[in-house]
Protein backbone atom coordinates (compact mmCIF):
# COMPACT_ATOMS: atom_id res chain seq x y z
CA MET A 1 13.51 25.70 -87.95
CA ARG A 2 16.59 23.49 -88.00
CA PRO A 3 16.68 20.75 -85.35
CA PRO A 4 19.32 21.12 -82.63
CA PRO A 5 22.63 19.25 -83.09
CA LYS A 6 22.43 15.61 -82.13
CA LEU A 7 23.96 14.79 -78.76
CA ALA A 8 26.27 11.78 -79.02
CA PRO A 9 29.06 12.17 -76.46
CA LYS A 10 31.55 9.35 -76.07
CA LEU A 11 33.40 9.24 -72.77
CA ILE A 12 35.76 6.80 -71.11
CA LEU A 13 35.94 7.08 -67.33
CA GLU A 14 39.24 5.90 -65.93
CA GLY A 15 40.60 5.83 -62.39
CA THR A 16 41.57 3.43 -59.69
CA ARG A 17 39.00 1.91 -57.36
CA LEU A 18 37.25 4.16 -54.82
CA THR A 19 37.12 7.12 -57.22
CA GLY A 20 33.39 6.89 -57.97
CA LYS A 21 33.64 6.10 -61.67
CA THR A 22 30.58 3.89 -61.89
CA GLU A 23 28.31 6.25 -59.96
CA LEU A 24 29.47 9.13 -62.16
CA ALA A 25 28.91 7.07 -65.31
CA PHE A 26 25.28 6.48 -64.31
CA ALA A 27 24.82 10.20 -63.62
CA LEU A 28 26.34 11.19 -66.96
CA ASN A 29 24.23 8.67 -68.81
CA GLU A 30 21.10 10.56 -67.74
CA HIS A 31 22.45 14.12 -67.78
CA PRO A 32 20.31 16.34 -70.03
CA ARG A 33 23.31 18.35 -71.25
CA LEU A 34 24.93 15.15 -72.49
CA VAL A 35 22.04 12.97 -73.67
CA GLY A 36 19.18 15.44 -73.89
CA PRO A 37 16.07 15.85 -71.70
CA ARG A 38 14.26 12.65 -70.89
CA LYS A 39 10.66 12.30 -69.77
CA TYR A 40 11.09 8.58 -69.16
CA ARG A 41 13.98 6.17 -68.66
CA TYR A 42 15.24 4.03 -71.50
CA HIS A 43 18.26 1.90 -72.33
CA SER A 44 21.49 3.73 -73.05
CA PRO A 45 24.89 2.10 -73.61
CA LEU A 46 27.09 1.94 -70.54
CA ILE A 47 29.83 -0.66 -70.75
CA SER A 48 32.93 -1.62 -68.80
CA ALA A 49 36.25 -3.38 -69.34
CA GLU A 50 35.98 -4.41 -65.69
CA TRP A 51 33.42 -7.09 -66.48
CA CYS A 52 35.07 -10.40 -65.58
CA GLY A 53 33.82 -12.39 -68.54
CA PHE A 54 36.82 -14.54 -69.41
CA THR A 55 36.51 -17.04 -66.55
CA ASN A 56 33.56 -18.82 -64.96
CA ARG A 57 33.99 -17.54 -61.40
CA PRO A 58 33.26 -14.35 -59.45
CA TRP A 59 36.00 -11.70 -59.73
CA GLY A 60 37.75 -13.75 -62.38
CA HIS A 61 39.65 -12.61 -65.46
CA GLY A 62 38.42 -10.04 -67.94
CA LEU A 63 39.55 -7.33 -70.29
CA ILE A 64 41.75 -5.65 -67.66
CA ASN A 65 43.29 -8.49 -65.68
CA PHE A 66 43.66 -11.19 -68.36
CA ASP A 67 46.70 -13.45 -68.22
CA GLU A 68 49.19 -14.21 -70.98
CA SER A 69 47.17 -17.11 -72.35
CA GLU A 70 44.17 -14.79 -72.78
CA ALA A 71 45.97 -11.96 -74.62
CA ALA A 72 44.51 -12.87 -78.02
CA LEU A 73 41.03 -13.03 -76.49
CA ALA A 74 41.52 -9.58 -74.98
CA ARG A 75 42.64 -8.10 -78.28
CA GLU A 76 39.67 -9.61 -80.09
CA THR A 77 37.32 -8.24 -77.41
CA TYR A 78 38.77 -4.75 -77.77
CA SER A 79 38.46 -5.01 -81.56
CA THR A 80 34.82 -6.03 -81.17
CA TRP A 81 33.97 -3.06 -78.94
CA LEU A 82 35.80 -0.69 -81.27
CA ARG A 83 33.91 -2.00 -84.27
CA MET A 84 30.62 -1.52 -82.40
CA PHE A 85 31.57 2.10 -81.67
CA GLU A 86 32.48 2.64 -85.32
CA LEU A 87 29.25 1.12 -86.61
CA GLN A 88 27.16 3.31 -84.26
CA ARG A 89 29.30 6.43 -84.31
CA TYR A 90 26.31 8.77 -83.96
CA TYR A 91 25.21 7.44 -80.59
CA SER A 92 26.42 8.16 -77.07
CA TRP A 93 28.76 5.71 -75.38
CA LEU A 94 29.80 5.79 -71.71
CA VAL A 95 32.63 3.42 -70.78
CA ASP A 96 33.50 2.65 -67.14
CA ARG A 97 37.23 1.75 -67.34
CA PHE A 98 38.85 0.73 -70.61
CA HIS A 99 42.28 0.63 -72.19
CA LEU A 100 44.25 2.69 -69.64
CA SER A 101 43.14 0.41 -66.81
CA THR A 102 44.25 -2.56 -68.91
CA ALA A 103 47.64 -0.98 -69.60
CA ALA A 104 48.15 -0.19 -65.90
CA PHE A 105 47.32 -3.74 -64.78
CA GLN A 106 49.32 -5.44 -67.49
CA HIS A 107 52.33 -3.21 -66.78
CA GLN A 108 52.26 -4.33 -63.14
CA ALA A 109 52.16 -7.94 -64.37
CA GLY A 110 55.25 -7.37 -66.53
CA ARG A 111 53.30 -7.51 -69.79
CA PRO A 112 53.46 -4.16 -71.61
CA PHE A 113 50.17 -3.40 -73.35
CA ASP A 114 50.18 -1.25 -76.48
CA PHE A 115 47.03 0.86 -76.51
CA GLY A 116 48.04 3.10 -79.41
CA TRP A 117 46.05 1.09 -81.94
CA ILE A 118 42.95 1.42 -79.73
CA GLU A 119 43.24 5.20 -79.52
CA ASP A 120 43.88 5.43 -83.25
CA ARG A 121 40.33 4.11 -83.69
CA LEU A 122 38.76 5.99 -80.76
CA ARG A 123 40.05 9.42 -81.74
CA PRO A 124 38.11 9.84 -85.02
CA LEU A 125 34.92 8.92 -83.15
CA GLY A 126 35.28 11.86 -80.76
CA PHE A 127 36.04 9.97 -77.55
CA GLY A 128 37.28 11.85 -74.51
CA LEU A 129 38.93 10.57 -71.32
CA VAL A 130 37.78 11.53 -67.83
CA LEU A 131 40.39 10.53 -65.27
CA CYS A 132 38.81 10.33 -61.81
CA LEU A 133 41.29 11.13 -59.06
CA ARG A 134 41.31 11.66 -55.31
CA GLU A 135 43.89 13.02 -52.92
CA PRO A 136 45.78 10.18 -51.15
CA SER A 137 44.58 11.33 -47.73
CA THR A 138 40.95 10.76 -48.74
CA PHE A 139 41.25 7.07 -49.62
CA PRO A 140 40.70 5.71 -46.06
CA ALA A 141 37.32 7.45 -45.76
CA ALA A 142 36.32 6.23 -49.22
CA ARG A 143 37.29 2.67 -48.23
CA ALA A 144 35.19 2.83 -45.06
CA GLU A 145 32.18 3.90 -47.10
CA ARG A 146 32.72 1.18 -49.69
CA LEU A 147 33.10 -1.60 -47.10
CA GLU A 148 29.47 -1.08 -46.11
CA VAL A 149 28.32 -2.41 -49.48
CA SER A 150 31.22 -4.42 -50.94
CA GLY A 151 30.81 -8.10 -51.72
CA ASN A 152 34.60 -8.51 -51.83
CA PRO A 153 35.99 -6.34 -49.01
CA ALA A 154 39.47 -7.95 -49.05
CA GLN A 155 40.30 -6.09 -52.26
CA TYR A 156 40.44 -2.85 -50.25
CA ASP A 157 42.88 -4.04 -47.57
CA ASP A 158 45.97 -2.42 -49.11
CA LEU A 159 45.34 1.15 -50.20
CA SER A 160 48.92 1.54 -51.45
CA VAL A 161 47.88 -0.55 -54.48
CA PHE A 162 45.37 2.14 -55.43
CA LEU A 163 47.83 4.97 -54.89
CA ARG A 164 50.35 3.33 -57.23
CA GLU A 165 47.69 2.62 -59.83
CA GLN A 166 46.44 6.20 -59.67
CA GLU A 167 49.90 7.54 -60.49
CA GLN A 168 50.25 5.00 -63.29
CA LEU A 169 46.96 6.08 -64.78
CA ARG A 170 48.02 9.73 -64.68
CA GLU A 171 51.18 8.83 -66.57
CA LEU A 172 49.22 6.83 -69.13
CA ALA A 173 46.67 9.62 -69.56
CA ALA A 174 49.52 12.06 -70.21
CA ARG A 175 50.54 9.85 -73.16
CA SER A 176 47.02 9.62 -74.56
CA VAL A 177 46.12 11.26 -77.86
CA LEU A 178 42.54 11.73 -76.65
CA PRO A 179 41.31 14.86 -74.84
CA VAL A 180 41.75 14.31 -71.09
CA LEU A 181 39.97 15.83 -68.08
CA GLU A 182 41.52 15.23 -64.66
CA LEU A 183 38.56 15.20 -62.28
CA GLN A 184 39.11 15.49 -58.51
CA VAL A 185 36.23 13.61 -56.87
CA ALA A 186 36.77 13.88 -53.09
CA GLY A 187 34.17 15.89 -51.20
CA ARG A 188 32.02 16.54 -54.27
CA SER A 189 28.59 15.26 -55.20
CA GLU A 190 27.85 13.25 -58.33
CA ALA A 191 25.80 16.18 -59.62
CA GLU A 192 28.72 18.59 -59.23
CA LEU A 193 31.10 16.21 -60.96
CA ALA A 194 28.66 15.58 -63.79
CA GLU A 195 28.30 19.34 -64.34
CA GLU A 196 32.07 19.75 -64.61
CA VAL A 197 32.24 16.93 -67.14
CA ALA A 198 29.38 18.49 -69.13
CA ASP A 199 31.14 21.87 -69.11
CA TRP A 200 34.35 20.24 -70.34
CA CYS A 201 32.57 18.32 -73.09
CA ALA A 202 30.92 21.50 -74.33
CA ALA A 203 34.19 23.45 -74.25
CA SER A 204 36.07 20.62 -75.96
CA ASP A 205 33.49 20.03 -78.70
CA LEU A 206 32.82 16.49 -77.48
CA LEU A 207 29.03 16.49 -77.43
CA GLY A 208 28.63 15.06 -80.92
CA LEU A 209 30.26 14.37 -84.28
CA ARG A 210 30.34 16.74 -87.21
CA ASP A 211 29.59 15.37 -90.70
């Protein structure tokens, strides 16, 4: 009997804050339709461009919000992640915010960010984009829920920032050469959202790579 095809989905979750990307990423990283049945927990790659690793302070600069002096560092970091994906192409990778979030932030800062070269390397690896969205009217309730646990509540004072970024991300996703799923998150459980993503991956042939 031939073994079943190897599951090695590669997904980038994009979206503005308060759209549940990180919670969904954790759910997807343990979903049996994406990574197979598990009888015990083990390490599985889940990375983020939101890590603020460029400066030695909380909520400092990173791969999304770098300044002009850090542009070369950001490009090298992206190149490093891409090379890691290429070297381990037959494994699953879940990414919580990546190049579209960078392009949106840098555009607002007046520094256009070319992400074409990134997608040229992501596409042959079978990456897909999941764009997490919510209706504008649902942001206040999401903020209230987040304020109960946030260590930096001031970042949620102005919801108009998130509304603008959400529209920017939709425009950027429309320009992407990767398969894109627009996922409405408001009023839905993580399990429901994960099932929709799994259905989309199966229908889009994104569960693994063919030799």
